[in-house]
PDB file of all heavy atoms in Angstrom:
ATOM      1  N   LYS A   1      -8.649   9.621 -12.779  1.00  0.00           N
ATOM      2  CA  LYS A   1      -9.644  10.658 -12.532  1.00  0.00           C
ATOM      3  C   LYS A   1      -9.389  11.294 -11.179  1.00  0.00           C
ATOM      4  O   LYS A   1      -8.900  10.648 -10.269  1.00  0.00           O
ATOM      5  CB  LYS A   1     -11.048  10.050 -12.569  1.00  0.00           C
ATOM      6  CG  LYS A   1     -11.414   9.509 -13.932  1.00  0.00           C
ATOM      7  CD  LYS A   1     -12.776   8.876 -13.905  1.00  0.00           C
ATOM      8  CE  LYS A   1     -13.089   8.256 -15.251  1.00  0.00           C
ATOM      9  NZ  LYS A   1     -14.235   7.388 -15.213  1.00  0.00           N
ATOM     10  N   GLU A   2      -9.747  12.580 -11.081  1.00  0.00           N
ATOM     11  CA  GLU A   2      -9.575  13.276  -9.815  1.00  0.00           C
ATOM     12  C   GLU A   2     -10.373  12.577  -8.729  1.00  0.00           C
ATOM     13  O   GLU A   2     -11.517  12.182  -8.940  1.00  0.00           O
ATOM     14  CB  GLU A   2     -10.029  14.730  -9.941  1.00  0.00           C
ATOM     15  CG  GLU A   2      -9.020  15.586 -10.670  1.00  0.00           C
ATOM     16  CD  GLU A   2      -9.396  17.043 -10.628  1.00  0.00           C
ATOM     17  OE1 GLU A   2      -9.882  17.506  -9.576  1.00  0.00           O
ATOM     18  OE2 GLU A   2      -9.212  17.706 -11.655  1.00  0.00           O
ATOM     19  N   GLY A   3      -9.760  12.422  -7.570  1.00  0.00           N
ATOM     20  CA  GLY A   3     -10.438  11.774  -6.452  1.00  0.00           C
ATOM     21  C   GLY A   3     -10.369  10.257  -6.506  1.00  0.00           C
ATOM     22  O   GLY A   3     -10.774   9.585  -5.576  1.00  0.00           O
ATOM     23  N   GLN A   4      -9.869   9.708  -7.605  1.00  0.00           N
ATOM     24  CA  GLN A   4      -9.773   8.256  -7.736  1.00  0.00           C
ATOM     25  C   GLN A   4      -8.521   7.770  -7.012  1.00  0.00           C
ATOM     26  O   GLN A   4      -7.444   8.347  -7.156  1.00  0.00           O
ATOM     27  CB  GLN A   4      -9.701   7.881  -9.215  1.00  0.00           C
ATOM     28  CG  GLN A   4      -9.676   6.394  -9.479  1.00  0.00           C
ATOM     29  CD  GLN A   4      -9.593   6.098 -10.972  1.00  0.00           C
ATOM     30  OE1 GLN A   4      -9.345   6.974 -11.779  1.00  0.00           O
ATOM     31  NE2 GLN A   4      -9.800   4.861 -11.327  1.00  0.00           N
ATOM     32  N   GLU A   5      -8.661   6.709  -6.239  1.00  0.00           N
ATOM     33  CA  GLU A   5      -7.529   6.169  -5.496  1.00  0.00           C
ATOM     34  C   GLU A   5      -6.606   5.376  -6.412  1.00  0.00           C
ATOM     35  O   GLU A   5      -7.032   4.839  -7.420  1.00  0.00           O
ATOM     36  CB  GLU A   5      -8.041   5.253  -4.379  1.00  0.00           C
ATOM     37  CG  GLU A   5      -8.761   5.971  -3.276  1.00  0.00           C
ATOM     38  CD  GLU A   5      -9.174   5.032  -2.159  1.00  0.00           C
ATOM     39  OE1 GLU A   5      -8.538   3.972  -1.994  1.00  0.00           O
ATOM     40  OE2 GLU A   5     -10.135   5.357  -1.475  1.00  0.00           O
ATOM     41  N   ASP A   6      -5.355   5.293  -6.027  1.00  0.00           N
ATOM     42  CA  ASP A   6      -4.383   4.476  -6.742  1.00  0.00           C
ATOM     43  C   ASP A   6      -4.638   3.029  -6.348  1.00  0.00           C
ATOM     44  O   ASP A   6      -4.474   2.657  -5.187  1.00  0.00           O
ATOM     45  CB  ASP A   6      -2.972   4.913  -6.358  1.00  0.00           C
ATOM     46  CG  ASP A   6      -1.909   4.219  -7.176  1.00  0.00           C
ATOM     47  OD1 ASP A   6      -2.170   3.139  -7.749  1.00  0.00           O
ATOM     48  OD2 ASP A   6      -0.795   4.763  -7.246  1.00  0.00           O
ATOM     49  N   GLU A   7      -5.028   2.213  -7.299  1.00  0.00           N
ATOM     50  CA  GLU A   7      -5.394   0.824  -7.026  1.00  0.00           C
ATOM     51  C   GLU A   7      -4.220  -0.044  -6.596  1.00  0.00           C
ATOM     52  O   GLU A   7      -4.413  -1.130  -6.064  1.00  0.00           O
ATOM     53  CB  GLU A   7      -6.060   0.219  -8.267  1.00  0.00           C
ATOM     54  CG  GLU A   7      -7.344   0.921  -8.637  1.00  0.00           C
ATOM     55  CD  GLU A   7      -7.803   0.602 -10.044  1.00  0.00           C
ATOM     56  OE1 GLU A   7      -7.061  -0.069 -10.789  1.00  0.00           O
ATOM     57  OE2 GLU A   7      -8.904   1.038 -10.399  1.00  0.00           O
ATOM     58  N   LEU A   8      -2.995   0.425  -6.838  1.00  0.00           N
ATOM     59  CA  LEU A   8      -1.820  -0.372  -6.490  1.00  0.00           C
ATOM     60  C   LEU A   8      -1.193   0.044  -5.163  1.00  0.00           C
ATOM     61  O   LEU A   8      -0.151  -0.480  -4.784  1.00  0.00           O
ATOM     62  CB  LEU A   8      -0.792  -0.314  -7.625  1.00  0.00           C
ATOM     63  CG  LEU A   8      -1.272  -0.921  -8.944  1.00  0.00           C
ATOM     64  CD1 LEU A   8      -0.198  -0.804 -10.011  1.00  0.00           C
ATOM     65  CD2 LEU A   8      -1.702  -2.365  -8.776  1.00  0.00           C
ATOM     66  N   ILE A   9      -1.820   0.972  -4.476  1.00  0.00           N
ATOM     67  CA  ILE A   9      -1.418   1.311  -3.106  1.00  0.00           C
ATOM     68  C   ILE A   9      -2.514   0.777  -2.193  1.00  0.00           C
ATOM     69  O   ILE A   9      -3.654   1.227  -2.248  1.00  0.00           O
ATOM     70  CB  ILE A   9      -1.263   2.837  -2.893  1.00  0.00           C
ATOM     71  CG1 ILE A   9      -0.202   3.414  -3.820  1.00  0.00           C
ATOM     72  CG2 ILE A   9      -0.965   3.146  -1.430  1.00  0.00           C
ATOM     73  CD1 ILE A   9       1.223   3.033  -3.484  1.00  0.00           C
ATOM     74  N   ILE A  10      -2.163  -0.200  -1.379  1.00  0.00           N
ATOM     75  CA  ILE A  10      -3.109  -0.806  -0.444  1.00  0.00           C
ATOM     76  C   ILE A  10      -2.950  -0.108   0.896  1.00  0.00           C
ATOM     77  O   ILE A  10      -1.898  -0.201   1.523  1.00  0.00           O
ATOM     78  CB  ILE A  10      -2.853  -2.327  -0.285  1.00  0.00           C
ATOM     79  CG1 ILE A  10      -2.832  -3.026  -1.644  1.00  0.00           C
ATOM     80  CG2 ILE A  10      -3.861  -2.949   0.658  1.00  0.00           C
ATOM     81  CD1 ILE A  10      -4.067  -2.869  -2.468  1.00  0.00           C
ATOM     82  N   THR A  11      -3.979   0.599   1.318  1.00  0.00           N
ATOM     83  CA  THR A  11      -3.953   1.287   2.607  1.00  0.00           C
ATOM     84  C   THR A  11      -4.593   0.380   3.650  1.00  0.00           C
ATOM     85  O   THR A  11      -5.731  -0.052   3.481  1.00  0.00           O
ATOM     86  CB  THR A  11      -4.717   2.622   2.524  1.00  0.00           C
ATOM     87  OG1 THR A  11      -4.135   3.404   1.473  1.00  0.00           O
ATOM     88  CG2 THR A  11      -4.624   3.385   3.833  1.00  0.00           C
ATOM     89  N   PHE A  12      -3.844   0.091   4.704  1.00  0.00           N
ATOM     90  CA  PHE A  12      -4.348  -0.780   5.759  1.00  0.00           C
ATOM     91  C   PHE A  12      -5.339  -0.030   6.637  1.00  0.00           C
ATOM     92  O   PHE A  12      -5.175   1.157   6.909  1.00  0.00           O
ATOM     93  CB  PHE A  12      -3.202  -1.322   6.613  1.00  0.00           C
ATOM     94  CG  PHE A  12      -2.224  -2.183   5.845  1.00  0.00           C
ATOM     95  CD1 PHE A  12      -0.885  -2.202   6.180  1.00  0.00           C
ATOM     96  CD2 PHE A  12      -2.643  -2.987   4.791  1.00  0.00           C
ATOM     97  CE1 PHE A  12       0.021  -2.994   5.496  1.00  0.00           C
ATOM     98  CE2 PHE A  12      -1.753  -3.788   4.105  1.00  0.00           C
ATOM     99  CZ  PHE A  12      -0.414  -3.793   4.455  1.00  0.00           C
ATOM    100  N   ARG A  13      -6.348  -0.751   7.085  1.00  0.00           N
ATOM    101  CA  ARG A  13      -7.353  -0.166   7.970  1.00  0.00           C
ATOM    102  C   ARG A  13      -6.721   0.257   9.285  1.00  0.00           C
ATOM    103  O   ARG A  13      -7.012   1.317   9.814  1.00  0.00           O
ATOM    104  CB  ARG A  13      -8.476  -1.181   8.209  1.00  0.00           C
ATOM    105  CG  ARG A  13      -9.713  -0.608   8.848  1.00  0.00           C
ATOM    106  CD  ARG A  13     -10.860  -1.597   8.877  1.00  0.00           C
ATOM    107  NE  ARG A  13     -10.579  -2.804   9.620  1.00  0.00           N
ATOM    108  CZ  ARG A  13     -10.686  -2.911  10.942  1.00  0.00           C
ATOM    109  NH1 ARG A  13     -11.060  -1.894  11.655  1.00  0.00           N
ATOM    110  NH2 ARG A  13     -10.411  -4.036  11.541  1.00  0.00           N
ATOM    111  N   LYS A  14      -5.811  -0.591   9.805  1.00  0.00           N
ATOM    112  CA  LYS A  14      -5.059  -0.289  11.025  1.00  0.00           C
ATOM    113  C   LYS A  14      -3.583  -0.517  10.737  1.00  0.00           C
ATOM    114  O   LYS A  14      -3.239  -1.382   9.931  1.00  0.00           O
ATOM    115  CB  LYS A  14      -5.491  -1.218  12.170  1.00  0.00           C
ATOM    116  CG  LYS A  14      -6.918  -1.018  12.628  1.00  0.00           C
ATOM    117  CD  LYS A  14      -7.240  -1.742  13.921  1.00  0.00           C
ATOM    118  CE  LYS A  14      -7.064  -3.233  13.837  1.00  0.00           C
ATOM    119  NZ  LYS A  14      -7.592  -3.952  15.006  1.00  0.00           N
ATOM    120  N   PRO A  15      -2.698   0.241  11.364  1.00  0.00           N
ATOM    121  CA  PRO A  15      -1.265   0.004  11.170  1.00  0.00           C
ATOM    122  C   PRO A  15      -0.917  -1.450  11.512  1.00  0.00           C
ATOM    123  O   PRO A  15      -1.472  -2.033  12.441  1.00  0.00           O
ATOM    124  CB  PRO A  15      -0.602   0.971  12.150  1.00  0.00           C
ATOM    125  CG  PRO A  15      -1.619   2.040  12.370  1.00  0.00           C
ATOM    126  CD  PRO A  15      -2.953   1.355  12.273  1.00  0.00           C
ATOM    127  N   PHE A  16      -0.009  -2.022  10.738  1.00  0.00           N
ATOM    128  CA  PHE A  16       0.388  -3.414  10.909  1.00  0.00           C
ATOM    129  C   PHE A  16       1.862  -3.464  11.285  1.00  0.00           C
ATOM    130  O   PHE A  16       2.712  -2.940  10.557  1.00  0.00           O
ATOM    131  CB  PHE A  16       0.122  -4.189   9.612  1.00  0.00           C
ATOM    132  CG  PHE A  16       0.585  -5.606   9.631  1.00  0.00           C
ATOM    133  CD1 PHE A  16      -0.050  -6.547  10.422  1.00  0.00           C
ATOM    134  CD2 PHE A  16       1.666  -6.010   8.859  1.00  0.00           C
ATOM    135  CE1 PHE A  16       0.377  -7.869  10.437  1.00  0.00           C
ATOM    136  CE2 PHE A  16       2.096  -7.333   8.864  1.00  0.00           C
ATOM    137  CZ  PHE A  16       1.449  -8.259   9.658  1.00  0.00           C
ATOM    138  N   GLY A  17       2.163  -4.092  12.421  1.00  0.00           N
ATOM    139  CA  GLY A  17       3.538  -4.222  12.875  1.00  0.00           C
ATOM    140  C   GLY A  17       4.147  -5.527  12.416  1.00  0.00           C
ATOM    141  O   GLY A  17       3.544  -6.593  12.543  1.00  0.00           O
ATOM    142  N   PHE A  18       5.366  -5.446  11.875  1.00  0.00           N
ATOM    143  CA  PHE A  18       6.070  -6.642  11.439  1.00  0.00           C
ATOM    144  C   PHE A  18       7.564  -6.418  11.613  1.00  0.00           C
ATOM    145  O   PHE A  18       8.122  -5.456  11.080  1.00  0.00           O
ATOM    146  CB  PHE A  18       5.750  -6.958   9.971  1.00  0.00           C
ATOM    147  CG  PHE A  18       6.427  -8.199   9.458  1.00  0.00           C
ATOM    148  CD1 PHE A  18       5.949  -9.458   9.806  1.00  0.00           C
ATOM    149  CD2 PHE A  18       7.541  -8.114   8.645  1.00  0.00           C
ATOM    150  CE1 PHE A  18       6.577 -10.600   9.345  1.00  0.00           C
ATOM    151  CE2 PHE A  18       8.174  -9.248   8.171  1.00  0.00           C
ATOM    152  CZ  PHE A  18       7.688 -10.500   8.525  1.00  0.00           C
ATOM    153  N   GLU A  19       8.199  -7.297  12.378  1.00  0.00           N
ATOM    154  CA  GLU A  19       9.642  -7.255  12.646  1.00  0.00           C
ATOM    155  C   GLU A  19      10.117  -5.854  13.045  1.00  0.00           C
ATOM    156  O   GLU A  19      11.083  -5.329  12.507  1.00  0.00           O
ATOM    157  CB  GLU A  19      10.421  -7.773  11.439  1.00  0.00           C
ATOM    158  CG  GLU A  19      10.188  -9.248  11.175  1.00  0.00           C
ATOM    159  CD  GLU A  19      11.033  -9.803  10.042  1.00  0.00           C
ATOM    160  OE1 GLU A  19      11.684  -9.028   9.298  1.00  0.00           O
ATOM    161  OE2 GLU A  19      11.047 -11.034   9.890  1.00  0.00           O
ATOM    162  N   GLY A  20       9.392  -5.245  13.985  1.00  0.00           N
ATOM    163  CA  GLY A  20       9.781  -3.957  14.532  1.00  0.00           C
ATOM    164  C   GLY A  20       9.450  -2.755  13.658  1.00  0.00           C
ATOM    165  O   GLY A  20       9.778  -1.623  14.005  1.00  0.00           O
ATOM    166  N   GLU A  21       8.816  -2.970  12.522  1.00  0.00           N
ATOM    167  CA  GLU A  21       8.456  -1.889  11.621  1.00  0.00           C
ATOM    168  C   GLU A  21       6.935  -1.788  11.541  1.00  0.00           C
ATOM    169  O   GLU A  21       6.237  -2.801  11.608  1.00  0.00           O
ATOM    170  CB  GLU A  21       9.023  -2.185  10.228  1.00  0.00           C
ATOM    171  CG  GLU A  21       9.339  -0.949   9.433  1.00  0.00           C
ATOM    172  CD  GLU A  21      10.033  -1.295   8.116  1.00  0.00           C
ATOM    173  OE1 GLU A  21      10.810  -2.259   8.067  1.00  0.00           O
ATOM    174  OE2 GLU A  21       9.771  -0.578   7.147  1.00  0.00           O
ATOM    175  N   THR A  22       6.417  -0.581  11.403  1.00  0.00           N
ATOM    176  CA  THR A  22       4.975  -0.377  11.287  1.00  0.00           C
ATOM    177  C   THR A  22       4.626  -0.018   9.850  1.00  0.00           C
ATOM    178  O   THR A  22       5.217   0.890   9.265  1.00  0.00           O
ATOM    179  CB  THR A  22       4.507   0.755  12.225  1.00  0.00           C
ATOM    180  OG1 THR A  22       4.861   0.399  13.570  1.00  0.00           O
ATOM    181  CG2 THR A  22       3.013   0.951  12.148  1.00  0.00           C
ATOM    182  N   PHE A  23       3.671  -0.753   9.303  1.00  0.00           N
ATOM    183  CA  PHE A  23       3.234  -0.543   7.925  1.00  0.00           C
ATOM    184  C   PHE A  23       1.815   0.009   7.930  1.00  0.00           C
ATOM    185  O   PHE A  23       0.929  -0.531   8.589  1.00  0.00           O
ATOM    186  CB  PHE A  23       3.260  -1.864   7.142  1.00  0.00           C
ATOM    187  CG  PHE A  23       4.640  -2.415   6.946  1.00  0.00           C
ATOM    188  CD1 PHE A  23       5.242  -3.189   7.924  1.00  0.00           C
ATOM    189  CD2 PHE A  23       5.335  -2.164   5.773  1.00  0.00           C
ATOM    190  CE1 PHE A  23       6.511  -3.708   7.753  1.00  0.00           C
ATOM    191  CE2 PHE A  23       6.611  -2.670   5.592  1.00  0.00           C
ATOM    192  CZ  PHE A  23       7.200  -3.446   6.581  1.00  0.00           C
ATOM    193  N   ARG A  24       1.607   1.081   7.189  1.00  0.00           N
ATOM    194  CA  ARG A  24       0.270   1.668   7.052  1.00  0.00           C
ATOM    195  C   ARG A  24      -0.300   1.414   5.661  1.00  0.00           C
ATOM    196  O   ARG A  24      -1.483   1.522   5.430  1.00  0.00           O
ATOM    197  CB  ARG A  24       0.324   3.167   7.332  1.00  0.00           C
ATOM    198  CG  ARG A  24       0.525   3.476   8.794  1.00  0.00           C
ATOM    199  CD  ARG A  24       0.597   4.963   9.068  1.00  0.00           C
ATOM    200  NE  ARG A  24       0.526   5.279  10.484  1.00  0.00           N
ATOM    201  CZ  ARG A  24       1.415   4.975  11.398  1.00  0.00           C
ATOM    202  NH1 ARG A  24       2.467   4.273  11.059  1.00  0.00           N
ATOM    203  NH2 ARG A  24       1.271   5.323  12.659  1.00  0.00           N
ATOM    204  N   GLU A  25       0.601   1.110   4.733  1.00  0.00           N
ATOM    205  CA  GLU A  25       0.175   0.826   3.364  1.00  0.00           C
ATOM    206  C   GLU A  25       1.198  -0.068   2.683  1.00  0.00           C
ATOM    207  O   GLU A  25       2.299  -0.282   3.196  1.00  0.00           O
ATOM    208  CB  GLU A  25      -0.016   2.116   2.565  1.00  0.00           C
ATOM    209  CG  GLU A  25       1.231   2.929   2.384  1.00  0.00           C
ATOM    210  CD  GLU A  25       0.979   4.229   1.637  1.00  0.00           C
ATOM    211  OE1 GLU A  25      -0.157   4.737   1.630  1.00  0.00           O
ATOM    212  OE2 GLU A  25       1.945   4.738   1.056  1.00  0.00           O
ATOM    213  N   LEU A  26       0.811  -0.583   1.536  1.00  0.00           N
ATOM    214  CA  LEU A  26       1.667  -1.485   0.769  1.00  0.00           C
ATOM    215  C   LEU A  26       1.643  -1.023  -0.681  1.00  0.00           C
ATOM    216  O   LEU A  26       0.565  -0.819  -1.258  1.00  0.00           O
ATOM    217  CB  LEU A  26       1.146  -2.912   0.888  1.00  0.00           C
ATOM    218  CG  LEU A  26       2.016  -4.021   0.353  1.00  0.00           C
ATOM    219  CD1 LEU A  26       3.299  -4.112   1.169  1.00  0.00           C
ATOM    220  CD2 LEU A  26       1.278  -5.342   0.421  1.00  0.00           C
ATOM    221  N   ASP A  27       2.806  -0.846  -1.270  1.00  0.00           N
ATOM    222  CA  ASP A  27       2.914  -0.376  -2.648  1.00  0.00           C
ATOM    223  C   ASP A  27       3.105  -1.575  -3.582  1.00  0.00           C
ATOM    224  O   ASP A  27       4.109  -2.274  -3.508  1.00  0.00           O
ATOM    225  CB  ASP A  27       4.100   0.584  -2.761  1.00  0.00           C
ATOM    226  CG  ASP A  27       4.229   1.211  -4.131  1.00  0.00           C
ATOM    227  OD1 ASP A  27       3.541   0.770  -5.083  1.00  0.00           O
ATOM    228  OD2 ASP A  27       5.026   2.148  -4.261  1.00  0.00           O
ATOM    229  N   LEU A  28       2.135  -1.797  -4.464  1.00  0.00           N
ATOM    230  CA  LEU A  28       2.198  -2.916  -5.403  1.00  0.00           C
ATOM    231  C   LEU A  28       2.557  -2.466  -6.824  1.00  0.00           C
ATOM    232  O   LEU A  28       2.310  -3.182  -7.786  1.00  0.00           O
ATOM    233  CB  LEU A  28       0.860  -3.665  -5.424  1.00  0.00           C
ATOM    234  CG  LEU A  28       0.452  -4.356  -4.131  1.00  0.00           C
ATOM    235  CD1 LEU A  28      -0.924  -4.994  -4.271  1.00  0.00           C
ATOM    236  CD2 LEU A  28       1.477  -5.399  -3.713  1.00  0.00           C
ATOM    237  N   HIS A  29       3.143  -1.291  -6.965  1.00  0.00           N
ATOM    238  CA  HIS A  29       3.515  -0.808  -8.300  1.00  0.00           C
ATOM    239  C   HIS A  29       4.569  -1.689  -8.966  1.00  0.00           C
ATOM    240  O   HIS A  29       4.772  -1.595 -10.175  1.00  0.00           O
ATOM    241  CB  HIS A  29       3.985   0.651  -8.245  1.00  0.00           C
ATOM    242  CG  HIS A  29       2.857   1.609  -8.214  1.00  0.00           C
ATOM    243  ND1 HIS A  29       2.378   2.137  -7.043  1.00  0.00           N
ATOM    244  CD2 HIS A  29       2.081   2.106  -9.199  1.00  0.00           C
ATOM    245  CE1 HIS A  29       1.371   2.935  -7.318  1.00  0.00           C
ATOM    246  NE2 HIS A  29       1.157   2.936  -8.615  1.00  0.00           N
ATOM    247  N   GLY A  30       5.202  -2.550  -8.203  1.00  0.00           N
ATOM    248  CA  GLY A  30       6.146  -3.509  -8.777  1.00  0.00           C
ATOM    249  C   GLY A  30       5.475  -4.443  -9.777  1.00  0.00           C
ATOM    250  O   GLY A  30       6.145  -5.047 -10.613  1.00  0.00           O
ATOM    251  N   LEU A  31       4.154  -4.561  -9.707  1.00  0.00           N
ATOM    252  CA  LEU A  31       3.411  -5.375 -10.685  1.00  0.00           C
ATOM    253  C   LEU A  31       3.688  -4.896 -12.108  1.00  0.00           C
ATOM    254  O   LEU A  31       3.740  -5.697 -13.045  1.00  0.00           O
ATOM    255  CB  LEU A  31       1.904  -5.307 -10.409  1.00  0.00           C
ATOM    256  CG  LEU A  31       1.383  -6.093  -9.226  1.00  0.00           C
ATOM    257  CD1 LEU A  31      -0.022  -5.647  -8.858  1.00  0.00           C
ATOM    258  CD2 LEU A  31       1.411  -7.579  -9.525  1.00  0.00           C
ATOM    259  N   GLU A  32       3.871  -3.602 -12.271  1.00  0.00           N
ATOM    260  CA  GLU A  32       4.095  -3.023 -13.596  1.00  0.00           C
ATOM    261  C   GLU A  32       5.439  -3.430 -14.181  1.00  0.00           C
ATOM    262  O   GLU A  32       5.647  -3.319 -15.388  1.00  0.00           O
ATOM    263  CB  GLU A  32       3.992  -1.498 -13.514  1.00  0.00           C
ATOM    264  CG  GLU A  32       2.607  -1.038 -13.102  1.00  0.00           C
ATOM    265  CD  GLU A  32       2.536   0.436 -12.745  1.00  0.00           C
ATOM    266  OE1 GLU A  32       3.582   1.023 -12.361  1.00  0.00           O
ATOM    267  OE2 GLU A  32       1.430   0.991 -12.828  1.00  0.00           O
ATOM    268  N   ASP A  33       6.354  -3.910 -13.338  1.00  0.00           N
ATOM    269  CA  ASP A  33       7.683  -4.292 -13.798  1.00  0.00           C
ATOM    270  C   ASP A  33       7.848  -5.796 -14.005  1.00  0.00           C
ATOM    271  O   ASP A  33       8.934  -6.244 -14.381  1.00  0.00           O
ATOM    272  CB  ASP A  33       8.740  -3.804 -12.798  1.00  0.00           C
ATOM    273  CG  ASP A  33       8.734  -2.291 -12.659  1.00  0.00           C
ATOM    274  OD1 ASP A  33       8.472  -1.604 -13.663  1.00  0.00           O
ATOM    275  OD2 ASP A  33       8.958  -1.793 -11.540  1.00  0.00           O
ATOM    276  N   LEU A  34       6.808  -6.581 -13.734  1.00  0.00           N
ATOM    277  CA  LEU A  34       6.903  -8.033 -13.903  1.00  0.00           C
ATOM    278  C   LEU A  34       7.131  -8.396 -15.364  1.00  0.00           C
ATOM    279  O   LEU A  34       6.622  -7.733 -16.266  1.00  0.00           O
ATOM    280  CB  LEU A  34       5.634  -8.727 -13.405  1.00  0.00           C
ATOM    281  CG  LEU A  34       5.430  -8.788 -11.900  1.00  0.00           C
ATOM    282  CD1 LEU A  34       4.087  -9.429 -11.576  1.00  0.00           C
ATOM    283  CD2 LEU A  34       6.553  -9.557 -11.219  1.00  0.00           C
TER     284      LEU A  34
END
């Protein structure tokens, strides 16, 4: 539906730093390929 968020994209409240990289979101669409 219009305006509905993609449930498999996790948007972080604050940017998350890990091993020198900054993550703002996480894509879980790989679930569809399990």
